Amino acid sequence: MLHVLTDQEYEFIAGKDPAGTYDRDTRESIYWILEKLEEAGRKCSRYEKKVYNRFISASFGILLGENARVTGNIQHSGGMTVRGHFDGEIRVADTLTVEKTGVVIANIMAETVVCKGEIQGEVQARRFIQITQDGRVQGGIHAPSVRIDQGGILDGQCQVKARPRVTQREKGWQRNRFRRTG
């Protein structure tokens, strides 16, 4: 039994993944429903509270659809999937995936980069870069681990460098530095 949301709103949000990647309209709809539940507070049914709690700390990924043509800079705490055309700079904390239909002309920084389409620019990944059989990268790539599938193209330089490891001594220094005293 629902007290705040309509059946359609509930079905919409219940069918979404809190870690999913969504286009702008879908993200705005999810945020609108969450705001509606937050304002209702105690009036929410237990089903509505359950959905709200599932999504309250979600960090949705950005999806640029096939027909999208975007220019600018994106800095996002989640991931991103590009199916259209993007020109600018991209910094994401999670995975950037450029689909077969995607074209990215940008300098990129991400945790992981998967290129199934086309990237032009410098690509830096903190963990891993993969260029699939249909992928093409023009520019330098920098990551601790790189995989280029048969048929994948890299037209540029590749720098594979291990991530710096934090020693136990440095970890202890950081932990002690921020310890409360008194």
N, C-alpha and C. Protein backbone atom coordinates (compact mmCIF):
# COMPACT_ATOMS: atom_id res chain seq x y z
N MET A 1 0.84 -1.18 0.00
CA MET A 1 0.00 0.00 0.00
C MET A 1 0.89 1.25 0.00
N LEU A 2 0.57 2.16 -0.89
CA LEU A 2 1.35 3.39 -1.03
C LEU A 2 0.58 4.57 -0.45
N HIS A 3 1.30 5.48 0.20
CA HIS A 3 0.67 6.66 0.79
C HIS A 3 1.06 7.95 0.08
N VAL A 4 2.22 7.98 -0.56
CA VAL A 4 2.74 9.21 -1.15
C VAL A 4 2.84 9.12 -2.67
N LEU A 5 3.38 8.04 -3.15
CA LEU A 5 3.62 7.88 -4.59
C LEU A 5 2.42 7.24 -5.29
N THR A 6 2.32 7.53 -6.57
CA THR A 6 1.33 6.81 -7.38
C THR A 6 1.93 5.45 -7.71
N ASP A 7 1.10 4.53 -8.17
CA ASP A 7 1.59 3.22 -8.57
C ASP A 7 2.64 3.35 -9.67
N GLN A 8 2.40 4.27 -10.61
CA GLN A 8 3.31 4.47 -11.73
C GLN A 8 4.68 4.99 -11.24
N GLU A 9 4.67 5.95 -10.30
CA GLU A 9 5.91 6.48 -9.76
C GLU A 9 6.69 5.40 -9.00
N TYR A 10 5.94 4.61 -8.22
CA TYR A 10 6.59 3.56 -7.44
C TYR A 10 7.22 2.51 -8.37
N GLU A 11 6.49 2.07 -9.36
CA GLU A 11 7.00 1.08 -10.31
C GLU A 11 8.22 1.62 -11.05
N PHE A 12 8.18 2.90 -11.40
CA PHE A 12 9.30 3.54 -12.09
C PHE A 12 10.57 3.46 -11.26
N ILE A 13 10.51 3.93 -10.01
CA ILE A 13 11.72 3.98 -9.19
C ILE A 13 12.13 2.61 -8.67
N ALA A 14 11.17 1.75 -8.38
CA ALA A 14 11.49 0.42 -7.88
C ALA A 14 12.23 -0.40 -8.94
N GLY A 15 12.02 -0.09 -10.20
CA GLY A 15 12.68 -0.81 -11.28
C GLY A 15 14.06 -0.28 -11.64
N LYS A 16 14.52 0.71 -10.93
CA LYS A 16 15.83 1.32 -11.22
C LYS A 16 16.91 0.78 -10.28
N ASP A 17 18.14 0.84 -10.75
CA ASP A 17 19.29 0.40 -9.98
C ASP A 17 19.98 1.63 -9.38
N PRO A 18 20.20 1.66 -8.07
CA PRO A 18 20.86 2.81 -7.45
C PRO A 18 22.26 3.08 -8.01
N ALA A 19 22.90 2.08 -8.59
CA ALA A 19 24.23 2.26 -9.17
C ALA A 19 24.15 2.37 -10.70
N GLY A 20 22.95 2.55 -11.23
CA GLY A 20 22.76 2.58 -12.67
C GLY A 20 23.23 3.86 -13.33
N THR A 21 23.27 3.81 -14.66
CA THR A 21 23.65 4.95 -15.48
C THR A 21 22.43 5.38 -16.27
N TYR A 22 22.03 6.65 -16.10
CA TYR A 22 20.77 7.11 -16.68
C TYR A 22 20.94 8.44 -17.40
N ASP A 23 20.06 8.67 -18.36
CA ASP A 23 20.07 9.95 -19.05
C ASP A 23 19.52 11.03 -18.12
N ARG A 24 19.63 12.26 -18.55
CA ARG A 24 19.25 13.41 -17.72
C ARG A 24 17.80 13.37 -17.27
N ASP A 25 16.88 13.07 -18.19
CA ASP A 25 15.46 13.04 -17.84
C ASP A 25 15.15 11.98 -16.78
N THR A 26 15.75 10.82 -16.93
CA THR A 26 15.52 9.74 -15.96
C THR A 26 16.08 10.11 -14.60
N ARG A 27 17.30 10.67 -14.57
CA ARG A 27 17.88 11.10 -13.28
C ARG A 27 17.00 12.14 -12.61
N GLU A 28 16.52 13.12 -13.38
CA GLU A 28 15.67 14.16 -12.81
C GLU A 28 14.37 13.57 -12.27
N SER A 29 13.80 12.59 -12.95
CA SER A 29 12.58 11.94 -12.45
C SER A 29 12.84 11.20 -11.14
N ILE A 30 13.97 10.51 -11.07
CA ILE A 30 14.32 9.80 -9.83
C ILE A 30 14.50 10.80 -8.70
N TYR A 31 15.24 11.88 -8.94
CA TYR A 31 15.46 12.89 -7.91
C TYR A 31 14.14 13.52 -7.47
N TRP A 32 13.23 13.76 -8.41
CA TRP A 32 11.93 14.35 -8.07
C TRP A 32 11.15 13.41 -7.16
N ILE A 33 11.16 12.11 -7.46
CA ILE A 33 10.44 11.14 -6.62
C ILE A 33 11.08 11.07 -5.24
N LEU A 34 12.41 11.07 -5.16
CA LEU A 34 13.08 11.04 -3.86
C LEU A 34 12.77 12.28 -3.04
N GLU A 35 12.71 13.42 -3.70
CA GLU A 35 12.36 14.66 -3.01
C GLU A 35 10.93 14.59 -2.47
N LYS A 36 10.05 14.05 -3.25
CA LYS A 36 8.65 13.87 -2.84
C LYS A 36 8.57 12.98 -1.60
N LEU A 37 9.35 11.89 -1.58
CA LEU A 37 9.36 10.99 -0.42
C LEU A 37 9.98 11.65 0.80
N GLU A 38 11.05 12.43 0.57
CA GLU A 38 11.70 13.11 1.69
C GLU A 38 10.76 14.12 2.34
N GLU A 39 10.04 14.88 1.53
CA GLU A 39 9.10 15.87 2.06
C GLU A 39 7.96 15.22 2.83
N ALA A 40 7.55 14.02 2.39
CA ALA A 40 6.44 13.32 3.05
C ALA A 40 6.86 12.76 4.41
N GLY A 41 8.15 12.41 4.54
CA GLY A 41 8.66 11.93 5.82
C GLY A 41 7.91 10.75 6.38
N ARG A 42 7.29 10.95 7.54
CA ARG A 42 6.60 9.86 8.26
C ARG A 42 5.34 9.37 7.56
N LYS A 43 4.83 10.12 6.62
CA LYS A 43 3.62 9.72 5.90
C LYS A 43 3.87 8.57 4.93
N CYS A 44 5.12 8.28 4.65
CA CYS A 44 5.47 7.22 3.69
C CYS A 44 5.11 5.84 4.23
N SER A 45 4.68 4.98 3.34
CA SER A 45 4.44 3.59 3.72
C SER A 45 5.79 2.89 3.87
N ARG A 46 5.79 1.69 4.41
CA ARG A 46 7.06 0.99 4.59
C ARG A 46 7.70 0.66 3.24
N TYR A 47 6.90 0.44 2.19
CA TYR A 47 7.45 0.18 0.85
C TYR A 47 8.14 1.43 0.29
N GLU A 48 7.51 2.57 0.51
CA GLU A 48 8.10 3.84 0.05
C GLU A 48 9.38 4.16 0.82
N LYS A 49 9.38 3.90 2.14
CA LYS A 49 10.59 4.12 2.94
C LYS A 49 11.72 3.21 2.48
N LYS A 50 11.38 1.97 2.13
CA LYS A 50 12.38 1.02 1.67
C LYS A 50 13.03 1.51 0.36
N VAL A 51 12.22 1.99 -0.57
CA VAL A 51 12.74 2.51 -1.83
C VAL A 51 13.57 3.75 -1.57
N TYR A 52 13.09 4.63 -0.71
CA TYR A 52 13.83 5.86 -0.39
C TYR A 52 15.20 5.52 0.19
N ASN A 53 15.25 4.62 1.15
CA ASN A 53 16.52 4.23 1.79
C ASN A 53 17.47 3.57 0.79
N ARG A 54 16.93 2.86 -0.17
CA ARG A 54 17.75 2.21 -1.19
C ARG A 54 18.43 3.23 -2.10
N PHE A 55 17.79 4.37 -2.32
CA PHE A 55 18.29 5.35 -3.27
C PHE A 55 18.92 6.59 -2.64
N ILE A 56 18.78 6.81 -1.36
CA ILE A 56 19.18 8.07 -0.76
C ILE A 56 20.67 8.37 -0.93
N SER A 57 21.52 7.36 -0.93
CA SER A 57 22.95 7.63 -1.08
C SER A 57 23.48 7.18 -2.45
N ALA A 58 22.58 7.04 -3.41
CA ALA A 58 22.97 6.58 -4.75
C ALA A 58 23.78 7.65 -5.48
N SER A 59 24.68 7.18 -6.31
CA SER A 59 25.46 8.08 -7.17
C SER A 59 25.29 7.57 -8.59
N PHE A 60 24.28 8.09 -9.27
CA PHE A 60 23.97 7.62 -10.60
C PHE A 60 25.04 8.01 -11.60
N GLY A 61 25.24 7.12 -12.56
CA GLY A 61 26.15 7.43 -13.65
C GLY A 61 25.44 8.29 -14.69
N ILE A 62 26.22 8.95 -15.52
CA ILE A 62 25.69 9.80 -16.59
C ILE A 62 25.65 9.00 -17.88
N LEU A 63 24.54 9.09 -18.59
CA LEU A 63 24.40 8.45 -19.89
C LEU A 63 24.16 9.51 -20.94
N LEU A 64 25.05 9.57 -21.93
CA LEU A 64 24.84 10.44 -23.08
C LEU A 64 24.34 9.53 -24.20
N GLY A 65 23.08 9.70 -24.59
CA GLY A 65 22.45 8.85 -25.59
C GLY A 65 23.02 9.02 -26.98
N GLU A 66 22.62 8.13 -27.87
CA GLU A 66 23.13 8.11 -29.25
C GLU A 66 22.97 9.43 -29.98
N ASN A 67 21.88 10.13 -29.75
CA ASN A 67 21.63 11.39 -30.47
C ASN A 67 22.21 12.61 -29.77
N ALA A 68 22.85 12.40 -28.63
CA ALA A 68 23.40 13.53 -27.86
C ALA A 68 24.67 14.07 -28.51
N ARG A 69 24.77 15.39 -28.52
CA ARG A 69 25.98 16.10 -28.96
C ARG A 69 26.26 17.12 -27.86
N VAL A 70 27.27 16.85 -27.05
CA VAL A 70 27.55 17.68 -25.89
C VAL A 70 28.97 18.21 -25.96
N THR A 71 29.12 19.50 -25.63
CA THR A 71 30.43 20.13 -25.55
C THR A 71 30.56 20.73 -24.16
N GLY A 72 31.72 20.53 -23.52
CA GLY A 72 31.94 21.11 -22.21
C GLY A 72 32.85 20.25 -21.37
N ASN A 73 32.80 20.48 -20.07
CA ASN A 73 33.61 19.73 -19.12
C ASN A 73 32.68 19.00 -18.17
N ILE A 74 32.97 17.73 -17.95
CA ILE A 74 32.17 16.94 -17.01
C ILE A 74 33.09 16.45 -15.91
N GLN A 75 32.67 16.69 -14.68
CA GLN A 75 33.34 16.17 -13.50
C GLN A 75 32.24 15.52 -12.68
N HIS A 76 32.37 14.20 -12.45
CA HIS A 76 31.28 13.47 -11.82
C HIS A 76 31.84 12.43 -10.85
N SER A 77 31.14 12.22 -9.74
CA SER A 77 31.59 11.29 -8.71
C SER A 77 31.22 9.84 -9.03
N GLY A 78 30.48 9.62 -10.09
CA GLY A 78 30.12 8.26 -10.49
C GLY A 78 30.78 7.88 -11.79
N GLY A 79 30.08 7.09 -12.59
CA GLY A 79 30.57 6.66 -13.88
C GLY A 79 29.87 7.40 -15.01
N MET A 80 30.23 7.04 -16.24
CA MET A 80 29.65 7.70 -17.40
C MET A 80 29.69 6.74 -18.59
N THR A 81 28.62 6.76 -19.38
CA THR A 81 28.55 5.99 -20.61
C THR A 81 28.22 6.95 -21.74
N VAL A 82 29.01 6.89 -22.82
CA VAL A 82 28.81 7.78 -23.96
C VAL A 82 28.41 6.94 -25.17
N ARG A 83 27.22 7.22 -25.69
CA ARG A 83 26.75 6.58 -26.91
C ARG A 83 26.67 7.57 -28.06
N GLY A 84 26.78 8.85 -27.73
CA GLY A 84 26.69 9.93 -28.71
C GLY A 84 28.04 10.57 -28.91
N HIS A 85 28.05 11.91 -29.02
CA HIS A 85 29.26 12.66 -29.31
C HIS A 85 29.54 13.63 -28.16
N PHE A 86 30.76 13.59 -27.64
CA PHE A 86 31.16 14.49 -26.57
C PHE A 86 32.48 15.14 -26.94
N ASP A 87 32.57 16.45 -26.69
CA ASP A 87 33.78 17.21 -26.98
C ASP A 87 34.09 18.07 -25.76
N GLY A 88 35.27 17.92 -25.17
CA GLY A 88 35.63 18.72 -24.00
C GLY A 88 36.60 18.01 -23.10
N GLU A 89 36.25 17.88 -21.81
CA GLU A 89 37.09 17.20 -20.83
C GLU A 89 36.19 16.37 -19.93
N ILE A 90 36.64 15.17 -19.59
CA ILE A 90 35.87 14.27 -18.73
C ILE A 90 36.73 13.82 -17.56
N ARG A 91 36.17 13.97 -16.35
CA ARG A 91 36.79 13.45 -15.13
C ARG A 91 35.68 12.74 -14.36
N VAL A 92 35.80 11.42 -14.27
CA VAL A 92 34.82 10.64 -13.52
C VAL A 92 35.54 9.77 -12.50
N ALA A 93 34.91 9.54 -11.38
CA ALA A 93 35.52 8.77 -10.30
C ALA A 93 35.39 7.27 -10.52
N ASP A 94 34.53 6.86 -11.44
CA ASP A 94 34.31 5.44 -11.67
C ASP A 94 34.67 5.12 -13.12
N THR A 95 33.89 4.30 -13.79
CA THR A 95 34.19 3.83 -15.14
C THR A 95 33.61 4.74 -16.21
N LEU A 96 34.41 5.04 -17.22
CA LEU A 96 33.94 5.71 -18.42
C LEU A 96 33.89 4.65 -19.51
N THR A 97 32.70 4.47 -20.10
CA THR A 97 32.53 3.54 -21.21
C THR A 97 32.11 4.32 -22.44
N VAL A 98 32.87 4.18 -23.51
CA VAL A 98 32.51 4.79 -24.79
C VAL A 98 32.00 3.65 -25.66
N GLU A 99 30.70 3.66 -25.91
CA GLU A 99 30.07 2.58 -26.68
C GLU A 99 30.44 2.67 -28.16
N LYS A 100 30.08 1.66 -28.95
CA LYS A 100 30.42 1.60 -30.38
C LYS A 100 29.97 2.84 -31.13
N THR A 101 28.84 3.41 -30.75
CA THR A 101 28.32 4.60 -31.43
C THR A 101 28.90 5.89 -30.86
N GLY A 102 29.71 5.78 -29.82
CA GLY A 102 30.23 6.96 -29.12
C GLY A 102 31.51 7.50 -29.74
N VAL A 103 31.59 8.84 -29.73
CA VAL A 103 32.79 9.55 -30.17
C VAL A 103 33.11 10.57 -29.08
N VAL A 104 34.29 10.46 -28.52
CA VAL A 104 34.72 11.38 -27.46
C VAL A 104 36.01 12.07 -27.92
N ILE A 105 35.94 13.38 -27.99
CA ILE A 105 37.12 14.19 -28.29
C ILE A 105 37.40 14.97 -27.02
N ALA A 106 38.27 14.39 -26.19
CA ALA A 106 38.46 14.97 -24.86
C ALA A 106 39.68 14.38 -24.18
N ASN A 107 40.20 15.10 -23.22
CA ASN A 107 41.16 14.54 -22.29
C ASN A 107 40.33 13.89 -21.19
N ILE A 108 40.75 12.70 -20.78
CA ILE A 108 39.94 11.88 -19.89
C ILE A 108 40.75 11.46 -18.68
N MET A 109 40.10 11.51 -17.50
CA MET A 109 40.64 10.92 -16.27
C MET A 109 39.50 10.12 -15.65
N ALA A 110 39.77 8.84 -15.36
CA ALA A 110 38.75 7.98 -14.77
C ALA A 110 39.42 6.85 -14.00
N GLU A 111 38.64 6.12 -13.25
CA GLU A 111 39.15 4.93 -12.57
C GLU A 111 39.47 3.86 -13.61
N THR A 112 38.50 3.62 -14.50
CA THR A 112 38.62 2.63 -15.57
C THR A 112 38.05 3.24 -16.84
N VAL A 113 38.66 2.94 -17.98
CA VAL A 113 38.15 3.41 -19.27
C VAL A 113 37.99 2.20 -20.19
N VAL A 114 36.80 2.07 -20.78
CA VAL A 114 36.53 1.02 -21.75
C VAL A 114 36.11 1.71 -23.04
N CYS A 115 36.92 1.52 -24.10
CA CYS A 115 36.65 2.15 -25.38
C CYS A 115 36.17 1.10 -26.39
N LYS A 116 34.88 1.20 -26.73
CA LYS A 116 34.29 0.34 -27.76
C LYS A 116 34.05 1.15 -29.02
N GLY A 117 34.15 2.48 -28.91
CA GLY A 117 33.92 3.41 -30.01
C GLY A 117 35.20 4.14 -30.35
N GLU A 118 35.14 5.49 -30.28
CA GLU A 118 36.29 6.29 -30.67
C GLU A 118 36.60 7.34 -29.61
N ILE A 119 37.88 7.44 -29.25
CA ILE A 119 38.37 8.47 -28.34
C ILE A 119 39.53 9.18 -29.02
N GLN A 120 39.50 10.51 -28.96
CA GLN A 120 40.63 11.33 -29.42
C GLN A 120 41.04 12.20 -28.24
N GLY A 121 42.26 12.01 -27.77
CA GLY A 121 42.75 12.79 -26.64
C GLY A 121 43.60 11.95 -25.71
N GLU A 122 44.06 12.57 -24.65
CA GLU A 122 44.86 11.87 -23.64
C GLU A 122 43.92 11.15 -22.68
N VAL A 123 44.22 9.89 -22.41
CA VAL A 123 43.38 9.07 -21.54
C VAL A 123 44.22 8.59 -20.37
N GLN A 124 43.77 8.92 -19.15
CA GLN A 124 44.44 8.46 -17.94
C GLN A 124 43.44 7.69 -17.09
N ALA A 125 43.85 6.49 -16.69
CA ALA A 125 43.00 5.68 -15.82
C ALA A 125 43.81 5.28 -14.59
N ARG A 126 43.19 5.36 -13.43
CA ARG A 126 43.87 4.99 -12.20
C ARG A 126 44.01 3.47 -12.08
N ARG A 127 43.16 2.72 -12.78
CA ARG A 127 43.18 1.27 -12.64
C ARG A 127 43.44 0.54 -13.96
N PHE A 128 42.64 0.84 -15.01
CA PHE A 128 42.64 -0.04 -16.18
C PHE A 128 42.09 0.68 -17.40
N ILE A 129 42.68 0.40 -18.57
CA ILE A 129 42.14 0.87 -19.85
C ILE A 129 41.98 -0.33 -20.75
N GLN A 130 40.82 -0.42 -21.39
CA GLN A 130 40.58 -1.49 -22.36
C GLN A 130 40.11 -0.87 -23.67
N ILE A 131 40.73 -1.30 -24.76
CA ILE A 131 40.27 -0.93 -26.10
C ILE A 131 39.76 -2.22 -26.72
N THR A 132 38.46 -2.30 -26.98
CA THR A 132 37.87 -3.53 -27.50
C THR A 132 38.14 -3.65 -29.00
N GLN A 133 37.68 -4.73 -29.60
CA GLN A 133 37.96 -5.01 -31.01
C GLN A 133 37.48 -3.93 -31.96
N ASP A 134 36.44 -3.20 -31.60
CA ASP A 134 35.94 -2.12 -32.44
C ASP A 134 36.40 -0.74 -31.97
N GLY A 135 37.15 -0.70 -30.87
CA GLY A 135 37.57 0.57 -30.28
C GLY A 135 38.76 1.17 -30.98
N ARG A 136 38.83 2.51 -30.90
CA ARG A 136 39.95 3.24 -31.51
C ARG A 136 40.28 4.42 -30.60
N VAL A 137 41.56 4.52 -30.24
CA VAL A 137 42.03 5.65 -29.44
C VAL A 137 43.15 6.33 -30.21
N GLN A 138 42.99 7.65 -30.39
CA GLN A 138 44.03 8.48 -30.98
C GLN A 138 44.52 9.40 -29.88
N GLY A 139 45.75 9.16 -29.43
CA GLY A 139 46.31 9.94 -28.34
C GLY A 139 47.01 9.03 -27.36
N GLY A 140 47.55 9.59 -26.33
CA GLY A 140 48.28 8.80 -25.35
C GLY A 140 47.36 8.17 -24.33
N ILE A 141 47.74 6.97 -23.88
CA ILE A 141 47.01 6.33 -22.80
C ILE A 141 47.99 6.04 -21.67
N HIS A 142 47.51 6.22 -20.43
CA HIS A 142 48.34 6.07 -19.24
C HIS A 142 47.52 5.33 -18.19
N ALA A 143 48.02 4.15 -17.77
CA ALA A 143 47.32 3.37 -16.76
C ALA A 143 48.24 2.28 -16.22
N PRO A 144 47.93 1.74 -15.04
CA PRO A 144 48.72 0.64 -14.51
C PRO A 144 48.50 -0.66 -15.29
N SER A 145 47.36 -0.77 -15.98
CA SER A 145 47.05 -1.97 -16.74
C SER A 145 46.31 -1.57 -18.02
N VAL A 146 46.74 -2.12 -19.15
CA VAL A 146 46.14 -1.80 -20.45
C VAL A 146 45.86 -3.10 -21.19
N ARG A 147 44.68 -3.16 -21.82
CA ARG A 147 44.33 -4.31 -22.65
C ARG A 147 43.80 -3.79 -23.98
N ILE A 148 44.43 -4.24 -25.07
CA ILE A 148 43.95 -3.89 -26.41
C ILE A 148 43.55 -5.19 -27.08
N ASP A 149 42.25 -5.38 -27.29
CA ASP A 149 41.75 -6.60 -27.91
C ASP A 149 42.15 -6.64 -29.38
N GLN A 150 42.19 -7.84 -29.94
CA GLN A 150 42.51 -7.99 -31.36
C GLN A 150 41.51 -7.18 -32.18
N GLY A 151 42.02 -6.31 -33.05
CA GLY A 151 41.18 -5.43 -33.84
C GLY A 151 41.08 -4.03 -33.26
N GLY A 152 41.36 -3.88 -31.97
CA GLY A 152 41.37 -2.57 -31.34
C GLY A 152 42.56 -1.77 -31.83
N ILE A 153 42.40 -0.45 -31.90
CA ILE A 153 43.45 0.40 -32.46
C ILE A 153 43.88 1.47 -31.46
N LEU A 154 45.20 1.57 -31.28
CA LEU A 154 45.79 2.66 -30.51
C LEU A 154 46.73 3.39 -31.45
N ASP A 155 46.43 4.65 -31.73
CA ASP A 155 47.27 5.50 -32.56
C ASP A 155 47.85 6.56 -31.64
N GLY A 156 48.94 6.21 -30.97
CA GLY A 156 49.54 7.11 -29.99
C GLY A 156 50.46 6.33 -29.09
N GLN A 157 50.82 6.92 -27.97
CA GLN A 157 51.73 6.28 -27.05
C GLN A 157 50.99 5.65 -25.89
N CYS A 158 51.61 4.61 -25.36
CA CYS A 158 51.03 3.89 -24.22
C CYS A 158 52.05 3.88 -23.09
N GLN A 159 51.62 4.33 -21.92
CA GLN A 159 52.49 4.31 -20.75
C GLN A 159 51.82 3.47 -19.67
N VAL A 160 52.45 2.36 -19.34
CA VAL A 160 51.93 1.47 -18.30
C VAL A 160 52.82 1.64 -17.09
N LYS A 161 52.23 2.16 -16.03
CA LYS A 161 52.97 2.46 -14.82
C LYS A 161 52.15 2.01 -13.63
N ALA A 162 52.76 1.25 -12.74
CA ALA A 162 52.06 0.77 -11.56
C ALA A 162 51.63 1.92 -10.67
N ARG A 163 50.50 1.72 -10.00
CA ARG A 163 50.03 2.71 -9.03
C ARG A 163 51.02 2.77 -7.87
N PRO A 164 51.28 3.95 -7.35
CA PRO A 164 52.17 4.02 -6.19
C PRO A 164 51.50 3.35 -4.99
N ARG A 165 52.27 2.57 -4.30
CA ARG A 165 51.73 1.89 -3.12
C ARG A 165 52.01 2.72 -1.88
N VAL A 166 51.03 2.78 -0.99
CA VAL A 166 51.21 3.48 0.28
C VAL A 166 51.76 2.47 1.28
N THR A 167 52.88 2.77 1.88
CA THR A 167 53.48 1.84 2.83
C THR A 167 52.73 1.88 4.15
N GLN A 168 52.93 0.85 4.94
CA GLN A 168 52.28 0.79 6.25
C GLN A 168 52.69 1.99 7.09
N ARG A 169 53.94 2.38 6.97
CA ARG A 169 54.41 3.53 7.74
C ARG A 169 53.64 4.80 7.34
N GLU A 170 53.44 5.00 6.03
CA GLU A 170 52.70 6.18 5.57
C GLU A 170 51.24 6.10 6.02
N LYS A 171 50.66 4.88 6.00
CA LYS A 171 49.27 4.73 6.46
C LYS A 171 49.16 5.13 7.92
N GLY A 172 50.13 4.67 8.73
CA GLY A 172 50.13 5.01 10.15
C GLY A 172 50.29 6.50 10.37
N TRP A 173 51.17 7.12 9.56
CA TRP A 173 51.36 8.57 9.66
C TRP A 173 50.06 9.30 9.37
N GLN A 174 49.36 8.88 8.32
CA GLN A 174 48.10 9.53 7.96
C GLN A 174 47.06 9.33 9.05
N ARG A 175 46.98 8.12 9.58
CA ARG A 175 46.00 7.82 10.62
C ARG A 175 46.31 8.64 11.88
N ASN A 176 47.58 8.69 12.29
CA ASN A 176 47.95 9.42 13.49
C ASN A 176 47.80 10.92 13.33
N ARG A 177 48.02 11.40 12.14
CA ARG A 177 47.97 12.84 11.88
C ARG A 177 46.56 13.41 12.16
N PHE A 178 45.55 12.62 11.93
CA PHE A 178 44.18 13.12 12.06
C PHE A 178 43.47 12.59 13.32
N ARG A 179 44.21 12.00 14.22
CA ARG A 179 43.61 11.48 15.44
C ARG A 179 43.24 12.64 16.36
N ARG A 180 42.06 12.54 16.94
CA ARG A 180 41.62 13.57 17.90
C ARG A 180 42.42 13.45 19.18
N THR A 181 42.74 14.56 19.76
CA THR A 181 43.44 14.56 21.04
C THR A 181 42.60 15.31 22.05
N GLY A 182 42.75 14.91 23.30
CA GLY A 182 42.11 15.62 24.40
C GLY A 182 40.72 15.43 24.47
